[in-house]
N, C-alpha and C. Protein backbone atom coordinates (compact mmCIF):
# COMPACT_ATOMS: atom_id res chain seq x y z
N MET A 1 27.50 -102.63 -251.15
CA MET A 1 26.66 -101.54 -251.62
C MET A 1 25.89 -102.00 -252.86
N THR A 2 24.67 -101.54 -252.98
CA THR A 2 23.89 -101.84 -254.17
C THR A 2 24.29 -100.88 -255.29
N ILE A 3 23.84 -101.18 -256.49
CA ILE A 3 24.12 -100.29 -257.63
C ILE A 3 23.61 -98.89 -257.34
N GLN A 4 22.39 -98.79 -256.82
CA GLN A 4 21.82 -97.47 -256.55
C GLN A 4 22.59 -96.74 -255.46
N GLU A 5 23.02 -97.44 -254.42
CA GLU A 5 23.81 -96.82 -253.36
C GLU A 5 25.13 -96.29 -253.91
N ILE A 6 25.75 -97.05 -254.79
CA ILE A 6 27.02 -96.63 -255.39
C ILE A 6 26.81 -95.37 -256.23
N LYS A 7 25.80 -95.39 -257.10
CA LYS A 7 25.53 -94.23 -257.96
C LYS A 7 25.19 -92.99 -257.15
N THR A 8 24.36 -93.16 -256.13
CA THR A 8 23.98 -92.03 -255.28
C THR A 8 25.20 -91.44 -254.59
N ALA A 9 26.06 -92.29 -254.06
CA ALA A 9 27.27 -91.81 -253.38
C ALA A 9 28.17 -91.04 -254.34
N VAL A 10 28.38 -91.57 -255.53
CA VAL A 10 29.22 -90.88 -256.53
C VAL A 10 28.58 -89.55 -256.90
N ASP A 11 27.26 -89.54 -257.11
CA ASP A 11 26.56 -88.30 -257.45
C ASP A 11 26.67 -87.25 -256.35
N GLN A 12 26.81 -87.70 -255.11
CA GLN A 12 26.96 -86.79 -253.97
C GLN A 12 28.40 -86.35 -253.77
N GLY A 13 29.29 -86.80 -254.64
CA GLY A 13 30.69 -86.39 -254.55
C GLY A 13 31.54 -87.26 -253.64
N LYS A 14 30.99 -88.38 -253.19
CA LYS A 14 31.77 -89.28 -252.34
C LYS A 14 32.65 -90.16 -253.21
N THR A 15 33.76 -90.60 -252.65
CA THR A 15 34.69 -91.46 -253.37
C THR A 15 34.35 -92.91 -253.05
N VAL A 16 33.94 -93.64 -254.07
CA VAL A 16 33.57 -95.05 -253.90
C VAL A 16 34.65 -95.90 -254.58
N HIS A 17 35.09 -96.92 -253.86
CA HIS A 17 36.11 -97.82 -254.38
C HIS A 17 35.56 -99.23 -254.46
N TRP A 18 36.20 -100.03 -255.30
CA TRP A 18 35.89 -101.45 -255.42
C TRP A 18 37.14 -102.25 -255.09
N ALA A 19 37.04 -103.16 -254.17
CA ALA A 19 38.07 -104.14 -253.81
C ALA A 19 39.29 -103.53 -253.12
N SER A 20 39.77 -102.37 -253.57
CA SER A 20 40.91 -101.72 -252.93
C SER A 20 40.89 -100.25 -253.32
N GLY A 21 41.80 -99.49 -252.75
CA GLY A 21 41.89 -98.08 -253.09
C GLY A 21 42.35 -97.82 -254.50
N MET A 22 42.79 -98.85 -255.20
CA MET A 22 43.29 -98.69 -256.56
C MET A 22 42.17 -98.62 -257.59
N TYR A 23 40.95 -99.03 -257.23
CA TYR A 23 39.83 -99.03 -258.16
C TYR A 23 38.75 -98.07 -257.67
N GLU A 24 38.48 -97.03 -258.45
CA GLU A 24 37.52 -96.00 -258.07
C GLU A 24 36.35 -95.97 -259.04
N VAL A 25 35.15 -95.81 -258.50
CA VAL A 25 33.96 -95.67 -259.34
C VAL A 25 33.86 -94.21 -259.76
N ILE A 26 33.74 -94.00 -261.07
CA ILE A 26 33.65 -92.64 -261.61
C ILE A 26 32.40 -92.52 -262.48
N LYS A 27 32.01 -91.28 -262.74
CA LYS A 27 30.90 -90.99 -263.64
C LYS A 27 31.43 -90.07 -264.73
N ASP A 28 31.19 -90.42 -265.99
CA ASP A 28 31.68 -89.59 -267.08
C ASP A 28 30.70 -88.47 -267.41
N LYS A 29 31.07 -87.62 -268.35
CA LYS A 29 30.24 -86.46 -268.70
C LYS A 29 28.92 -86.86 -269.35
N ASN A 30 28.80 -88.10 -269.80
CA ASN A 30 27.56 -88.60 -270.40
C ASN A 30 26.66 -89.30 -269.39
N GLY A 31 27.10 -89.35 -268.14
CA GLY A 31 26.29 -89.96 -267.09
C GLY A 31 26.50 -91.45 -266.93
N ASN A 32 27.55 -92.00 -267.53
CA ASN A 32 27.86 -93.43 -267.41
C ASN A 32 28.82 -93.66 -266.24
N TYR A 33 28.63 -94.77 -265.55
CA TYR A 33 29.46 -95.10 -264.39
C TYR A 33 30.46 -96.20 -264.76
N PHE A 34 31.67 -96.02 -264.27
CA PHE A 34 32.75 -96.96 -264.57
C PHE A 34 33.55 -97.26 -263.31
N ILE A 35 34.23 -98.39 -263.33
CA ILE A 35 35.24 -98.71 -262.32
C ILE A 35 36.58 -98.45 -262.99
N LYS A 36 37.33 -97.51 -262.45
CA LYS A 36 38.59 -97.08 -263.06
C LYS A 36 39.77 -97.52 -262.22
N CYS A 37 40.76 -98.10 -262.88
CA CYS A 37 42.01 -98.45 -262.21
C CYS A 37 42.86 -97.19 -262.15
N THR A 38 43.17 -96.74 -260.95
CA THR A 38 43.90 -95.48 -260.81
C THR A 38 45.37 -95.60 -261.19
N SER A 39 45.90 -96.82 -261.28
CA SER A 39 47.31 -96.96 -261.62
C SER A 39 47.57 -96.90 -263.12
N ASN A 40 46.58 -97.31 -263.94
CA ASN A 40 46.83 -97.29 -265.39
C ASN A 40 45.70 -96.63 -266.20
N GLY A 41 44.63 -96.22 -265.53
CA GLY A 41 43.55 -95.50 -266.20
C GLY A 41 42.55 -96.36 -266.95
N SER A 42 42.71 -97.67 -266.93
CA SER A 42 41.76 -98.52 -267.65
C SER A 42 40.43 -98.58 -266.89
N CYS A 43 39.35 -98.76 -267.65
CA CYS A 43 38.01 -98.74 -267.06
C CYS A 43 37.19 -99.94 -267.52
N VAL A 44 36.25 -100.31 -266.68
CA VAL A 44 35.23 -101.30 -267.01
C VAL A 44 33.92 -100.71 -266.51
N GLY A 45 32.83 -101.03 -267.17
CA GLY A 45 31.54 -100.51 -266.75
C GLY A 45 31.19 -100.94 -265.33
N LEU A 46 30.46 -100.10 -264.63
CA LEU A 46 30.00 -100.47 -263.29
C LEU A 46 29.10 -101.69 -263.37
N THR A 47 28.34 -101.78 -264.46
CA THR A 47 27.46 -102.92 -264.67
C THR A 47 27.75 -103.55 -266.02
N SER A 48 27.33 -104.80 -266.15
CA SER A 48 27.44 -105.49 -267.43
C SER A 48 26.30 -105.03 -268.33
N PHE A 49 26.29 -105.48 -269.58
CA PHE A 49 25.22 -105.11 -270.51
C PHE A 49 23.85 -105.57 -270.00
N SER A 50 23.84 -106.62 -269.21
CA SER A 50 22.57 -107.13 -268.66
C SER A 50 22.11 -106.36 -267.43
N GLY A 51 22.95 -105.43 -266.95
CA GLY A 51 22.61 -104.63 -265.78
C GLY A 51 23.11 -105.17 -264.47
N LYS A 52 23.84 -106.28 -264.51
CA LYS A 52 24.39 -106.88 -263.29
C LYS A 52 25.66 -106.14 -262.88
N LEU A 53 25.82 -105.92 -261.59
CA LEU A 53 26.98 -105.23 -261.04
C LEU A 53 28.25 -106.00 -261.36
N ASN A 54 29.28 -105.31 -261.87
CA ASN A 54 30.58 -105.94 -262.12
C ASN A 54 31.36 -105.94 -260.81
N GLY A 55 31.26 -106.99 -260.09
CA GLY A 55 31.90 -107.10 -258.78
C GLY A 55 30.85 -107.45 -257.73
N LYS A 56 31.29 -107.88 -256.59
CA LYS A 56 30.39 -108.24 -255.49
C LYS A 56 30.00 -106.97 -254.73
N GLN A 57 28.75 -106.90 -254.32
CA GLN A 57 28.26 -105.74 -253.58
C GLN A 57 29.12 -105.44 -252.36
N GLU A 58 29.54 -106.49 -251.68
CA GLU A 58 30.29 -106.30 -250.43
C GLU A 58 31.72 -105.78 -250.67
N ASP A 59 32.17 -105.76 -251.93
CA ASP A 59 33.52 -105.28 -252.23
C ASP A 59 33.57 -103.78 -252.55
N PHE A 60 32.42 -103.12 -252.59
CA PHE A 60 32.38 -101.68 -252.82
C PHE A 60 32.31 -100.95 -251.49
N PHE A 61 33.03 -99.84 -251.38
CA PHE A 61 33.05 -99.09 -250.13
C PHE A 61 33.32 -97.61 -250.40
N ILE A 62 32.89 -96.78 -249.45
CA ILE A 62 33.14 -95.34 -249.55
C ILE A 62 34.43 -95.04 -248.82
N TRP A 63 35.29 -94.29 -249.48
CA TRP A 63 36.58 -93.90 -248.90
C TRP A 63 36.41 -92.57 -248.19
N TYR A 64 36.65 -92.55 -246.90
CA TYR A 64 36.52 -91.30 -246.11
C TYR A 64 37.85 -90.68 -245.86
């Protein structure tokens, strides 16, 4: 998934994961997107400061 596809899916209320079901893409109240570890709550930005996706596009998926 591209960055825009990920953001659009999250905005539509879909559950997007990275690499496994343990990592979920979330959006905070300020409109920032993060990859959150569901087991310990730690987060990393969806993108780096340069705007590059943190992770491979093919590792993101929508959980149905």
